[in-house]
Protein backbone atom coordinates (compact mmCIF):
# COMPACT_ATOMS: atom_id res chain seq x y z
CA MET A 1 239.96 150.87 -17.17
CA ASN A 2 238.01 148.33 -15.13
CA ILE A 3 234.45 148.39 -16.66
CA ALA A 4 232.90 146.51 -13.72
CA GLU A 5 234.05 149.06 -11.17
CA ILE A 6 232.76 151.73 -13.48
CA ALA A 7 229.38 150.14 -13.84
CA ASP A 8 229.18 149.50 -10.03
CA ARG A 9 229.70 153.22 -9.33
CA LEU A 10 227.45 154.50 -11.94
CA GLU A 11 224.70 152.26 -10.63
CA ASP A 12 225.42 153.27 -7.10
CA THR A 13 226.18 157.05 -7.26
CA GLY A 14 225.88 157.94 -11.13
CA TYR A 15 229.48 159.00 -11.53
CA ILE A 16 233.00 158.02 -11.19
CA VAL A 17 236.43 159.79 -11.11
CA LEU A 18 239.29 157.61 -12.48
CA ASP A 19 242.89 158.62 -11.95
CA ASN A 20 245.29 157.64 -14.74
CA ALA A 21 242.45 156.26 -16.73
CA LEU A 22 244.45 155.51 -19.87
CA GLN A 23 248.08 154.57 -20.66
CA ASN A 24 250.56 157.43 -20.57
CA GLU A 25 251.74 156.90 -24.18
CA LEU A 26 248.09 157.32 -25.62
CA LEU A 27 247.67 160.34 -23.32
CA LEU A 28 250.84 162.05 -24.58
CA ARG A 29 249.68 161.36 -28.18
CA LEU A 30 246.41 163.00 -27.41
CA VAL A 31 247.97 166.11 -26.06
CA THR A 32 249.77 166.37 -29.32
CA ARG A 33 246.28 166.55 -31.01
CA CYS A 34 244.80 168.99 -28.57
CA GLN A 35 246.89 172.00 -29.31
CA ASP A 36 245.25 175.44 -30.29
CA ASP A 37 247.88 176.57 -32.74
CA ASP A 38 245.60 175.62 -35.86
CA PRO A 39 242.82 178.07 -36.08
CA ALA A 40 241.54 176.08 -39.02
CA ARG A 41 240.78 173.11 -36.62
CA PHE A 42 239.74 174.82 -33.34
CA TYR A 43 236.66 177.26 -33.36
CA ALA A 44 234.68 178.79 -30.68
CA ALA A 45 232.06 176.52 -29.04
CA HIS A 46 228.45 177.24 -28.94
CA ILE A 47 225.39 176.38 -26.72
CA GLY A 48 222.17 175.03 -27.93
CA ARG A 49 221.14 173.32 -30.97
CA GLY A 50 219.69 174.33 -34.40
CA ALA A 51 218.06 177.66 -34.49
CA ASP A 52 218.92 178.12 -30.74
CA LYS A 53 222.54 177.63 -31.35
CA LYS A 54 224.56 180.67 -30.02
CA GLN A 55 228.18 181.56 -29.29
CA ILE A 56 228.12 183.46 -25.79
CA ASN A 57 231.66 183.82 -24.32
CA THR A 58 230.30 184.91 -20.90
CA ILE A 59 228.70 181.42 -20.62
CA ARG A 60 231.14 179.23 -22.45
CA GLY A 61 234.71 180.22 -23.32
CA ASP A 62 236.25 177.16 -24.95
CA VAL A 63 237.41 176.38 -28.39
CA ILE A 64 236.61 172.87 -29.77
CA ASP A 65 237.51 170.38 -32.58
CA TRP A 66 235.66 167.04 -32.96
CA LEU A 67 237.72 163.78 -33.03
CA ASP A 68 238.46 162.67 -36.60
CA GLU A 69 237.70 158.95 -37.13
CA ALA A 70 240.23 159.12 -39.86
CA ASP A 71 243.18 160.14 -37.60
CA GLY A 72 245.11 157.22 -36.05
CA ILE A 73 245.47 158.95 -32.40
CA ASP A 74 241.81 159.71 -32.42
CA GLN A 75 240.97 156.22 -33.72
CA ASP A 76 242.98 154.72 -30.62
CA TYR A 77 240.92 156.75 -28.15
CA LEU A 78 237.67 156.04 -29.89
CA ALA A 79 238.29 152.36 -29.88
CA LEU A 80 238.77 152.39 -26.00
CA MET A 81 235.44 154.27 -25.73
CA GLU A 82 233.92 151.46 -27.83
CA ILE A 83 235.22 149.03 -25.50
CA LEU A 84 233.68 150.95 -22.58
CA ARG A 85 230.39 151.45 -24.58
CA MET A 86 229.91 147.73 -25.09
CA GLY A 87 230.91 146.87 -21.44
CA LEU A 88 228.53 149.15 -20.01
CA ASN A 89 225.81 148.14 -22.24
CA ARG A 90 226.33 144.31 -20.98
CA ALA A 91 226.65 145.54 -17.50
CA LEU A 92 224.01 148.07 -16.99
CA TYR A 93 221.47 147.59 -20.26
CA LEU A 94 221.91 151.33 -20.97
CA GLY A 95 221.31 150.90 -24.91
CA LEU A 96 224.22 153.11 -25.59
CA PHE A 97 224.22 153.33 -29.27
CA ASP A 98 227.14 155.79 -30.27
CA TYR A 99 229.72 158.13 -29.11
CA GLU A 100 230.56 161.65 -30.10
CA SER A 101 233.45 163.67 -28.67
CA HIS A 102 235.54 166.70 -29.15
CA TYR A 103 238.94 168.34 -27.84
CA ALA A 104 238.18 171.37 -25.69
CA ILE A 105 240.65 174.10 -25.04
CA TYR A 106 239.94 176.76 -22.39
CA GLY A 107 242.26 179.64 -22.31
CA ALA A 108 243.20 181.63 -19.24
CA GLY A 109 240.26 183.36 -18.00
CA ALA A 110 237.65 181.13 -19.62
CA GLY A 111 235.08 178.60 -18.02
CA TYR A 112 231.65 177.29 -18.62
CA ALA A 113 228.74 178.19 -16.67
CA LYS A 114 226.48 175.65 -14.82
CA HIS A 115 224.68 173.81 -17.40
CA SER A 116 223.36 170.10 -18.34
CA ASP A 117 224.65 168.03 -21.19
CA VAL A 118 221.00 167.09 -22.15
CA LEU A 119 219.92 169.46 -25.02
CA VAL A 120 216.47 170.73 -24.73
CA GLY A 121 213.75 168.67 -26.26
CA LYS A 122 215.95 165.46 -26.89
CA LYS A 123 216.68 162.49 -24.57
CA ASN A 124 219.88 161.90 -26.34
CA ARG A 125 223.02 161.96 -24.34
CA ILE A 126 222.96 159.33 -21.61
CA LEU A 127 226.66 159.18 -20.40
CA THR A 128 229.13 162.17 -20.12
CA THR A 129 232.93 161.52 -20.26
CA VAL A 130 235.64 164.04 -19.75
CA LEU A 131 239.33 163.19 -20.04
CA TYR A 132 241.86 165.67 -18.90
CA LEU A 133 245.28 166.43 -20.63
CA ASN A 134 246.89 168.89 -18.40
CA GLU A 135 250.44 168.04 -17.24
CA ASP A 136 251.54 169.63 -13.96
CA TRP A 137 248.15 171.01 -13.04
CA HIS A 138 247.73 172.48 -9.70
CA SER A 139 244.82 173.76 -7.56
CA ARG A 140 246.06 177.25 -8.14
CA ASP A 141 245.46 176.81 -11.89
CA GLY A 142 241.73 176.68 -11.31
CA GLY A 143 239.54 175.08 -14.24
CA GLU A 144 238.04 172.49 -11.88
CA LEU A 145 234.88 170.77 -12.88
CA GLN A 146 232.10 171.04 -10.29
CA ILE A 147 229.35 168.42 -10.24
CA PHE A 148 226.17 169.42 -8.53
CA ASP A 149 223.38 167.17 -7.02
CA PRO A 150 220.39 166.56 -9.40
CA SER A 151 218.54 169.60 -7.80
CA GLY A 152 221.61 171.82 -9.13
CA VAL A 153 221.97 173.31 -5.80
CA ALA A 154 224.82 171.42 -3.75
CA VAL A 155 228.26 170.71 -5.04
CA ILE A 156 228.92 166.90 -4.66
CA ALA A 157 232.28 166.62 -6.47
CA THR A 158 235.02 169.03 -7.49
CA VAL A 159 237.47 167.49 -9.87
CA LEU A 160 241.01 168.96 -10.71
CA PRO A 161 241.68 168.60 -14.41
CA LYS A 162 244.84 166.68 -13.91
CA PHE A 163 246.62 164.68 -16.69
CA GLY A 164 245.14 161.46 -17.19
CA THR A 165 241.95 161.88 -14.87
CA MET A 166 238.63 160.91 -16.23
CA ILE A 167 235.14 161.53 -14.94
CA ILE A 168 232.20 159.59 -16.21
CA PHE A 169 228.73 160.58 -15.27
CA LEU A 170 224.96 160.19 -16.16
CA SER A 171 224.28 163.14 -18.35
CA GLU A 172 220.76 163.73 -17.27
CA MET A 173 221.42 163.56 -13.60
CA PHE A 174 224.16 166.10 -12.98
CA PRO A 175 224.44 169.75 -13.74
CA HIS A 176 227.97 170.94 -13.79
CA GLU A 177 230.31 173.63 -14.54
CA VAL A 178 233.99 174.38 -15.48
CA LEU A 179 235.39 177.00 -13.17
CA ILE A 180 237.49 179.77 -14.39
CA SER A 181 240.88 178.49 -15.56
CA HIS A 182 244.05 180.58 -14.80
CA ARG A 183 246.08 178.78 -17.67
CA THR A 184 245.48 176.98 -20.86
CA ARG A 185 243.20 173.78 -19.90
CA ARG A 186 242.87 170.87 -22.17
CA SER A 187 240.37 167.94 -22.43
CA ILE A 188 238.41 165.52 -24.31
CA THR A 189 234.68 165.58 -23.69
CA GLY A 190 232.28 163.03 -25.05
CA TRP A 191 228.91 161.67 -24.78
CA PHE A 192 227.39 158.03 -25.30
CA ARG A 193 224.01 158.50 -26.94
CA VAL A 194 221.07 156.27 -27.35
CA SER A 195 219.79 155.34 -30.95
CA GLY A 196 217.63 157.76 -32.81
CA SER A 197 219.31 160.86 -31.13
């Protein structure tokens, strides 16, 4: 991961799409962690926070499991995100304080309607990351991430969730949606946050 390149693109456009963002060996290990055969781990995702937290499958249809700092595979991924956090703070003075992330699995027919990653009433999530773990993914499989301009009207990027692709974008700037997937779609979504969130 070229942190200088990422910083330049974030400063210029607010987002960057990286092909082959991580080493293949780590990606394959992450795939083994992102399986939906353990209902004790993965549970239906919600929208909102606190009393406003709801599960609405017509808006968001994925199941999630938060990364575990005690798991060796998750530790390796989180260590890379820590390097990225420190590097972006040095380059852009973002004040990124910590990082939270979860595995997300969308079954066939599931998506996530247009939304913002900034939860109502809080300026907490500064930078969003999404890493895709889908081998042999094709455009016919759907599940693309569409990024909208800050007004939420025009689509400015469409990202196919191919194995090893990562998108990083300013959370407050870009509404986005996950189009309906036609086969099981796996990813890791995370957010760098500011202190006090």
